[in-house]
């Protein structure tokens, strides 16, 4: 069910600045803002921690190394 909300011109201008593309709706902008403020899932937190451990152990390749391996 769609509904209408009232916002100030200042808020509309701010939402317009946050559009990724001109055709993006204000609803999409608002959802993106909400998503940005949501808590990370426990799985994501574990994955981030594991990635940090691998980096500390030196288990990574630089962008230049990856390009070289891929022949780019």
Protein backbone atom coordinates (compact mmCIF):
# COMPACT_ATOMS: atom_id res chain seq x y z
CA UNK A 1 0.00 0.00 0.00
CA UNK A 2 1.51 3.31 -1.07
CA UNK A 3 1.15 6.39 1.08
CA UNK A 4 2.10 10.04 0.86
CA UNK A 5 4.32 11.82 3.36
CA UNK A 6 5.09 15.48 3.77
CA UNK A 7 8.69 16.65 3.91
CA UNK A 8 10.30 20.06 3.89
CA UNK A 9 11.97 21.46 0.80
CA UNK A 10 15.31 21.22 2.62
CA UNK A 11 14.84 17.49 3.16
CA UNK A 12 13.78 17.01 -0.45
CA UNK A 13 16.94 18.79 -1.60
CA UNK A 14 19.07 16.63 0.69
CA UNK A 15 17.42 13.43 -0.57
CA UNK A 16 17.95 14.60 -4.15
CA UNK A 17 21.67 15.03 -3.47
CA UNK A 18 21.85 11.43 -2.24
CA UNK A 19 20.38 9.91 -5.40
CA UNK A 20 22.84 7.59 -7.12
CA UNK A 21 21.11 8.13 -10.49
CA UNK A 22 18.56 10.71 -11.59
CA UNK A 23 15.78 8.14 -12.01
CA UNK A 24 16.20 6.78 -8.47
CA UNK A 25 13.06 7.29 -6.39
CA UNK A 26 13.02 8.93 -2.98
CA UNK A 27 11.85 5.60 -1.58
CA UNK A 28 15.00 3.94 -2.91
CA UNK A 29 17.13 6.72 -1.40
CA UNK A 30 15.44 6.28 1.97
CA UNK A 31 15.86 2.47 1.88
CA UNK A 32 19.56 2.94 1.10
CA UNK A 33 19.92 5.25 4.09
CA UNK A 34 18.15 2.75 6.33
CA UNK A 35 20.32 -0.08 5.06
CA UNK A 36 23.46 1.95 5.75
CA UNK A 37 22.42 2.20 9.40
CA UNK A 38 21.44 -1.42 9.90
CA UNK A 39 23.50 -3.72 12.09
CA UNK A 40 25.80 -6.18 10.37
CA UNK A 41 24.74 -9.80 10.63
CA UNK A 42 26.74 -12.12 12.87
CA UNK A 43 27.91 -14.04 9.80
CA UNK A 44 29.21 -10.84 8.21
CA UNK A 45 30.99 -9.88 11.43
CA UNK A 46 32.68 -13.32 11.52
CA UNK A 47 33.68 -13.02 7.86
CA UNK A 48 35.22 -9.60 8.47
CA UNK A 49 37.15 -10.89 11.48
CA UNK A 50 38.42 -13.87 9.47
CA UNK A 51 39.53 -11.57 6.66
CA UNK A 52 41.40 -9.37 9.13
CA UNK A 53 43.21 -12.42 10.53
CA UNK A 54 44.21 -13.52 7.02
CA UNK A 55 45.55 -10.07 6.22
CA UNK A 56 47.60 -9.99 9.44
CA UNK A 57 49.04 -13.40 8.50
CA UNK A 58 49.96 -12.08 5.06
CA UNK A 59 47.43 -14.26 3.23
CA UNK A 60 46.45 -11.80 0.51
CA UNK A 61 47.52 -10.45 -2.86
CA UNK A 62 47.78 -6.84 -3.88
CA UNK A 63 45.79 -5.42 -6.77
CA UNK A 64 48.95 -5.26 -8.85
CA UNK A 65 49.72 -8.93 -8.09
CA UNK A 66 46.18 -9.96 -9.01
CA UNK A 67 46.37 -8.07 -12.31
CA UNK A 68 49.71 -9.68 -13.10
CA UNK A 69 48.36 -13.18 -12.35
CA UNK A 70 45.33 -12.51 -14.54
CA UNK A 71 47.41 -11.03 -17.33
CA UNK A 72 45.77 -7.62 -17.13
